[in-house]
Amino acid sequence: MSTESGYKETVTEKLHLTVERFKIWADQNFPEYNEDHDNGEWEIGSDEFDAMRDAALTVIRTNVPEETSPEAIDI
């Protein structure tokens, strides 16, 4: 495995981890909000959302679309 490939796996893993952390945070702090009842953009500006956004942007910047794994696409 090359360093570049390892880096891409790491940023993808970080994205998955931050998405899971965001889901846990949202469930704990806003249990009444879900896909059917989200009441606007309540999550914007939270540290958890910012971390998830940053991780997603890092994946976008570092991955070539043709080399992106199905797991990375299915987040």
N, C-alpha and C. Protein backbone atom coordinates (compact mmCIF):
# COMPACT_ATOMS: atom_id res chain seq x y z
N MET A 1 0.86 -1.18 0.00
CA MET A 1 0.00 0.00 0.00
C MET A 1 0.89 1.23 0.00
N SER A 2 0.61 2.14 -0.88
CA SER A 2 1.40 3.37 -0.94
C SER A 2 0.94 4.34 0.15
N THR A 3 1.78 5.31 0.41
CA THR A 3 1.43 6.32 1.42
C THR A 3 0.17 7.07 1.00
N GLU A 4 0.10 7.40 -0.30
CA GLU A 4 -1.08 8.14 -0.78
C GLU A 4 -2.34 7.30 -0.58
N SER A 5 -2.29 6.02 -0.92
CA SER A 5 -3.45 5.16 -0.74
C SER A 5 -3.82 5.06 0.73
N GLY A 6 -2.81 4.90 1.59
CA GLY A 6 -3.07 4.85 3.03
C GLY A 6 -3.69 6.12 3.54
N TYR A 7 -3.25 7.26 3.01
CA TYR A 7 -3.81 8.54 3.41
C TYR A 7 -5.28 8.61 3.02
N LYS A 8 -5.61 8.16 1.81
CA LYS A 8 -7.00 8.20 1.36
C LYS A 8 -7.87 7.32 2.24
N GLU A 9 -7.37 6.14 2.63
CA GLU A 9 -8.14 5.29 3.53
C GLU A 9 -8.35 5.97 4.87
N THR A 10 -7.32 6.65 5.34
CA THR A 10 -7.41 7.33 6.62
C THR A 10 -8.45 8.45 6.59
N VAL A 11 -8.45 9.27 5.53
CA VAL A 11 -9.42 10.37 5.48
C VAL A 11 -10.83 9.83 5.32
N THR A 12 -10.99 8.72 4.60
CA THR A 12 -12.31 8.11 4.45
C THR A 12 -12.77 7.54 5.77
N GLU A 13 -11.87 6.88 6.48
CA GLU A 13 -12.22 6.36 7.80
C GLU A 13 -12.59 7.49 8.75
N LYS A 14 -11.87 8.60 8.68
CA LYS A 14 -12.19 9.75 9.53
C LYS A 14 -13.58 10.28 9.21
N LEU A 15 -13.93 10.32 7.93
CA LEU A 15 -15.26 10.78 7.56
C LEU A 15 -16.33 9.86 8.16
N HIS A 16 -16.15 8.56 8.02
CA HIS A 16 -17.13 7.62 8.59
C HIS A 16 -17.24 7.83 10.10
N LEU A 17 -16.11 8.01 10.77
CA LEU A 17 -16.11 8.21 12.22
C LEU A 17 -16.83 9.51 12.60
N THR A 18 -16.57 10.59 11.87
CA THR A 18 -17.22 11.86 12.22
C THR A 18 -18.71 11.83 11.93
N VAL A 19 -19.12 11.09 10.89
CA VAL A 19 -20.56 10.94 10.62
C VAL A 19 -21.22 10.20 11.77
N GLU A 20 -20.59 9.12 12.22
CA GLU A 20 -21.15 8.37 13.35
C GLU A 20 -21.21 9.23 14.61
N ARG A 21 -20.15 10.00 14.87
CA ARG A 21 -20.16 10.89 16.04
C ARG A 21 -21.27 11.93 15.93
N PHE A 22 -21.48 12.46 14.73
CA PHE A 22 -22.54 13.43 14.53
C PHE A 22 -23.91 12.80 14.81
N LYS A 23 -24.12 11.59 14.31
CA LYS A 23 -25.40 10.91 14.54
C LYS A 23 -25.66 10.71 16.03
N ILE A 24 -24.63 10.30 16.76
CA ILE A 24 -24.77 10.11 18.20
C ILE A 24 -25.08 11.43 18.89
N TRP A 25 -24.34 12.47 18.53
CA TRP A 25 -24.57 13.80 19.11
C TRP A 25 -25.99 14.28 18.81
N ALA A 26 -26.42 14.12 17.57
CA ALA A 26 -27.77 14.57 17.18
C ALA A 26 -28.84 13.80 17.94
N ASP A 27 -28.67 12.49 18.05
CA ASP A 27 -29.65 11.67 18.78
C ASP A 27 -29.72 12.08 20.25
N GLN A 28 -28.58 12.40 20.84
CA GLN A 28 -28.55 12.77 22.26
C GLN A 28 -29.10 14.18 22.50
N ASN A 29 -28.83 15.09 21.60
CA ASN A 29 -29.19 16.49 21.82
C ASN A 29 -30.48 16.93 21.14
N PHE A 30 -30.86 16.25 20.09
CA PHE A 30 -32.06 16.61 19.34
C PHE A 30 -32.83 15.36 18.94
N PRO A 31 -33.27 14.56 19.90
CA PRO A 31 -33.93 13.29 19.57
C PRO A 31 -35.22 13.46 18.78
N GLU A 32 -35.82 14.62 18.87
CA GLU A 32 -37.09 14.83 18.16
C GLU A 32 -36.89 15.11 16.67
N TYR A 33 -35.66 15.38 16.24
CA TYR A 33 -35.41 15.67 14.83
C TYR A 33 -34.97 14.40 14.11
N ASN A 34 -35.56 14.20 12.94
CA ASN A 34 -35.20 13.05 12.10
C ASN A 34 -35.42 13.45 10.65
N GLU A 35 -35.28 12.51 9.74
CA GLU A 35 -35.43 12.84 8.32
C GLU A 35 -36.83 13.34 7.98
N ASP A 36 -37.84 12.86 8.70
CA ASP A 36 -39.21 13.30 8.45
C ASP A 36 -39.53 14.61 9.15
N HIS A 37 -38.81 14.92 10.20
CA HIS A 37 -39.08 16.13 10.98
C HIS A 37 -37.75 16.75 11.39
N ASP A 38 -37.16 17.53 10.49
CA ASP A 38 -35.84 18.09 10.81
C ASP A 38 -35.89 19.55 11.22
N ASN A 39 -37.01 20.22 11.04
CA ASN A 39 -37.22 21.58 11.53
C ASN A 39 -36.11 22.56 11.12
N GLY A 40 -35.71 22.49 9.87
CA GLY A 40 -34.71 23.44 9.40
C GLY A 40 -33.28 22.95 9.55
N GLU A 41 -32.37 23.87 9.60
CA GLU A 41 -30.95 23.53 9.63
C GLU A 41 -30.38 23.75 11.02
N TRP A 42 -30.88 22.99 11.98
CA TRP A 42 -30.52 23.10 13.38
C TRP A 42 -29.08 22.70 13.65
N GLU A 43 -28.51 21.85 12.81
CA GLU A 43 -27.18 21.31 13.08
C GLU A 43 -26.04 22.23 12.65
N ILE A 44 -26.33 23.18 11.78
CA ILE A 44 -25.28 24.05 11.26
C ILE A 44 -24.69 24.89 12.38
N GLY A 45 -23.38 24.94 12.42
CA GLY A 45 -22.70 25.73 13.43
C GLY A 45 -22.25 24.92 14.64
N SER A 46 -22.69 23.67 14.75
CA SER A 46 -22.24 22.84 15.87
C SER A 46 -20.83 22.32 15.55
N ASP A 47 -20.07 22.05 16.59
CA ASP A 47 -18.72 21.51 16.39
C ASP A 47 -18.78 20.18 15.67
N GLU A 48 -19.78 19.36 15.97
CA GLU A 48 -19.92 18.05 15.35
C GLU A 48 -20.20 18.18 13.86
N PHE A 49 -21.05 19.12 13.50
CA PHE A 49 -21.35 19.32 12.08
C PHE A 49 -20.12 19.86 11.36
N ASP A 50 -19.43 20.80 11.97
CA ASP A 50 -18.23 21.37 11.35
C ASP A 50 -17.17 20.30 11.13
N ALA A 51 -16.99 19.38 12.09
CA ALA A 51 -16.02 18.30 11.94
C ALA A 51 -16.41 17.38 10.80
N MET A 52 -17.70 17.08 10.69
CA MET A 52 -18.19 16.22 9.62
C MET A 52 -18.00 16.89 8.26
N ARG A 53 -18.33 18.17 8.18
CA ARG A 53 -18.14 18.91 6.94
C ARG A 53 -16.67 18.94 6.53
N ASP A 54 -15.79 19.23 7.48
CA ASP A 54 -14.36 19.28 7.18
C ASP A 54 -13.83 17.93 6.69
N ALA A 55 -14.28 16.86 7.33
CA ALA A 55 -13.86 15.51 6.92
C ALA A 55 -14.36 15.20 5.51
N ALA A 56 -15.59 15.60 5.21
CA ALA A 56 -16.13 15.37 3.86
C ALA A 56 -15.36 16.16 2.82
N LEU A 57 -15.04 17.39 3.12
CA LEU A 57 -14.28 18.20 2.16
C LEU A 57 -12.88 17.65 1.94
N THR A 58 -12.27 17.10 2.98
CA THR A 58 -10.95 16.49 2.82
C THR A 58 -11.03 15.28 1.91
N VAL A 59 -12.06 14.46 2.06
CA VAL A 59 -12.25 13.30 1.17
C VAL A 59 -12.43 13.78 -0.27
N ILE A 60 -13.23 14.80 -0.46
CA ILE A 60 -13.47 15.33 -1.81
C ILE A 60 -12.18 15.83 -2.43
N ARG A 61 -11.37 16.55 -1.65
CA ARG A 61 -10.12 17.11 -2.18
C ARG A 61 -9.07 16.05 -2.48
N THR A 62 -9.11 14.92 -1.77
CA THR A 62 -8.02 13.95 -1.89
C THR A 62 -8.36 12.72 -2.71
N ASN A 63 -9.60 12.54 -3.12
CA ASN A 63 -9.97 11.34 -3.88
C ASN A 63 -10.26 11.66 -5.34
N VAL A 64 -9.77 10.77 -6.19
CA VAL A 64 -10.09 10.82 -7.61
C VAL A 64 -11.38 10.02 -7.77
N PRO A 65 -12.40 10.57 -8.43
CA PRO A 65 -13.69 9.87 -8.51
C PRO A 65 -13.59 8.42 -8.97
N GLU A 66 -12.74 8.16 -9.94
CA GLU A 66 -12.62 6.80 -10.47
C GLU A 66 -12.01 5.82 -9.46
N GLU A 67 -11.35 6.35 -8.44
CA GLU A 67 -10.69 5.50 -7.44
C GLU A 67 -11.46 5.43 -6.12
N THR A 68 -12.60 6.06 -6.05
CA THR A 68 -13.37 6.11 -4.80
C THR A 68 -14.06 4.77 -4.57
N SER A 69 -13.94 4.26 -3.35
CA SER A 69 -14.52 2.96 -3.01
C SER A 69 -16.03 3.06 -2.86
N PRO A 70 -16.73 1.94 -3.06
CA PRO A 70 -18.18 1.94 -2.82
C PRO A 70 -18.52 2.33 -1.38
N GLU A 71 -17.65 1.95 -0.42
CA GLU A 71 -17.91 2.28 0.97
C GLU A 71 -17.87 3.79 1.19
N ALA A 72 -16.96 4.47 0.52
CA ALA A 72 -16.88 5.92 0.66
C ALA A 72 -18.08 6.61 0.05
N ILE A 73 -18.61 6.04 -1.00
CA ILE A 73 -19.77 6.64 -1.68
C ILE A 73 -21.03 6.46 -0.83
N ASP A 74 -21.12 5.36 -0.11
CA ASP A 74 -22.33 5.02 0.63
C ASP A 74 -22.28 5.52 2.06
N ILE A 75 -22.08 6.82 2.23
CA ILE A 75 -22.05 7.40 3.58
C ILE A 75 -23.40 8.02 3.88
